[in-house]
Protein backbone atom coordinates (compact mmCIF):
# COMPACT_ATOMS: atom_id res chain seq x y z
CA MET A 1 -10.59 -1.87 6.62
CA CYS A 2 -7.64 -3.53 5.19
CA PRO A 3 -8.09 -3.11 1.42
CA ILE A 4 -5.53 -4.99 -0.80
CA LEU A 5 -3.76 -2.63 -3.37
CA TYR A 6 -2.46 -5.27 -5.14
CA GLU A 7 -2.55 -8.72 -5.71
CA ASP A 8 -0.19 -11.34 -7.94
CA LYS A 9 -2.49 -14.68 -7.99
CA GLU A 10 0.44 -16.28 -9.58
CA LYS A 11 3.38 -15.45 -7.51
CA LYS A 12 0.60 -15.35 -3.92
CA LYS A 13 1.63 -12.10 -2.69
CA ALA A 14 -0.70 -9.18 -2.24
CA LEU A 15 0.01 -5.36 -0.88
CA ALA A 16 -2.22 -4.45 1.50
CA LEU A 17 -2.85 -1.33 3.32
CA GLN A 18 -4.07 -0.86 6.93
CA PHE A 19 -6.53 2.05 5.94
CA ASP A 20 -7.03 3.91 9.66
CA ARG A 21 -3.86 3.22 10.29
CA CYS A 22 -2.31 5.77 7.47
CA LYS A 23 -1.48 9.02 9.03
CA GLY A 24 -0.93 10.45 5.37
CA CYS A 25 2.63 11.20 5.60
CA GLY A 26 3.13 10.43 1.55
CA ILE A 27 6.92 8.52 2.51
CA CYS A 28 5.41 5.20 0.67
CA ILE A 29 4.37 7.61 -2.64
CA GLU A 30 7.94 9.07 -2.35
CA ILE A 31 9.94 6.23 -2.03
CA CYS A 32 8.53 3.63 -4.12
CA PRO A 33 10.83 2.79 -7.00
CA ARG A 34 7.86 1.86 -9.76
CA LYS A 35 6.02 4.91 -8.41
CA ILE A 36 2.67 2.57 -8.15
CA LEU A 37 1.67 4.33 -5.11
CA THR A 38 -0.86 8.09 -5.11
CA GLU A 39 -2.74 10.12 -2.55
CA GLY A 40 -6.41 8.40 -2.75
CA LYS A 41 -9.52 10.20 -2.43
CA GLU A 42 -11.12 8.66 0.60
CA LEU A 43 -10.66 9.94 4.25
CA ASN A 44 -9.83 7.90 6.87
CA THR A 45 -10.98 8.09 10.32
CA LYS A 46 -7.23 10.38 10.93
CA VAL A 47 -8.85 12.54 8.73
CA GLN A 48 -5.34 11.89 6.17
CA TYR A 49 -5.74 10.05 2.45
CA PRO A 50 -4.20 6.54 2.51
CA PRO A 51 -2.26 5.65 -0.67
CA VAL A 52 -3.99 3.58 -3.39
CA LEU A 53 -2.62 1.93 -6.44
CA VAL A 54 -2.08 4.24 -9.62
CA GLU A 55 -4.33 2.79 -12.28
CA GLY A 56 -2.22 -0.16 -13.93
CA GLY A 57 0.57 -0.02 -11.37
CA VAL A 58 2.35 -3.64 -10.88
CA CYS A 59 4.33 -4.14 -7.28
CA THR A 60 7.46 -6.22 -7.66
CA PHE A 61 6.93 -6.59 -3.82
CA CYS A 62 10.21 -4.62 -3.07
CA ARG A 63 8.76 -3.92 0.62
CA GLU A 64 10.61 -0.26 0.52
CA CYS A 65 7.22 0.65 1.52
CA GLU A 66 6.68 -1.61 4.06
CA LEU A 67 9.61 -1.34 5.49
CA ILE A 68 9.46 2.52 5.06
CA CYS A 69 6.27 3.14 6.78
CA PRO A 70 6.55 4.36 10.34
CA ASP A 71 2.74 3.43 11.05
CA PHE A 72 3.37 -0.38 9.85
CA ALA A 73 0.25 0.82 7.57
CA LEU A 74 1.89 -1.07 4.62
CA TYR A 75 2.94 -4.62 4.47
CA ILE A 76 3.12 -7.47 1.81
CA LEU A 77 1.36 -10.72 1.99
CA GLU A 78 3.04 -13.70 1.86
CA ASN A 79 0.91 -16.84 0.38
CA SER A 80 -2.06 -14.56 -0.20
CA GLY A 81 -5.00 -16.53 -1.29
CA THR A 82 -7.32 -13.76 -1.79
């Protein structure tokens, strides 16, 4: 399951999460300069709560979360056609 957390159709980019890869460390939540991520309420297969987008949050695709994630669970999709 790879949900799209945020998508900007104009920029053709999206922030995606490999849900079951996340170990729930919360580093992405702490590092996000816009504070758009928060702990989710749904458990994954590792019995962790992967992040979700804060209501009204707007991702700037700075890649901080992608670069810091030790599990490579968060990533930016370029030319997203979804």
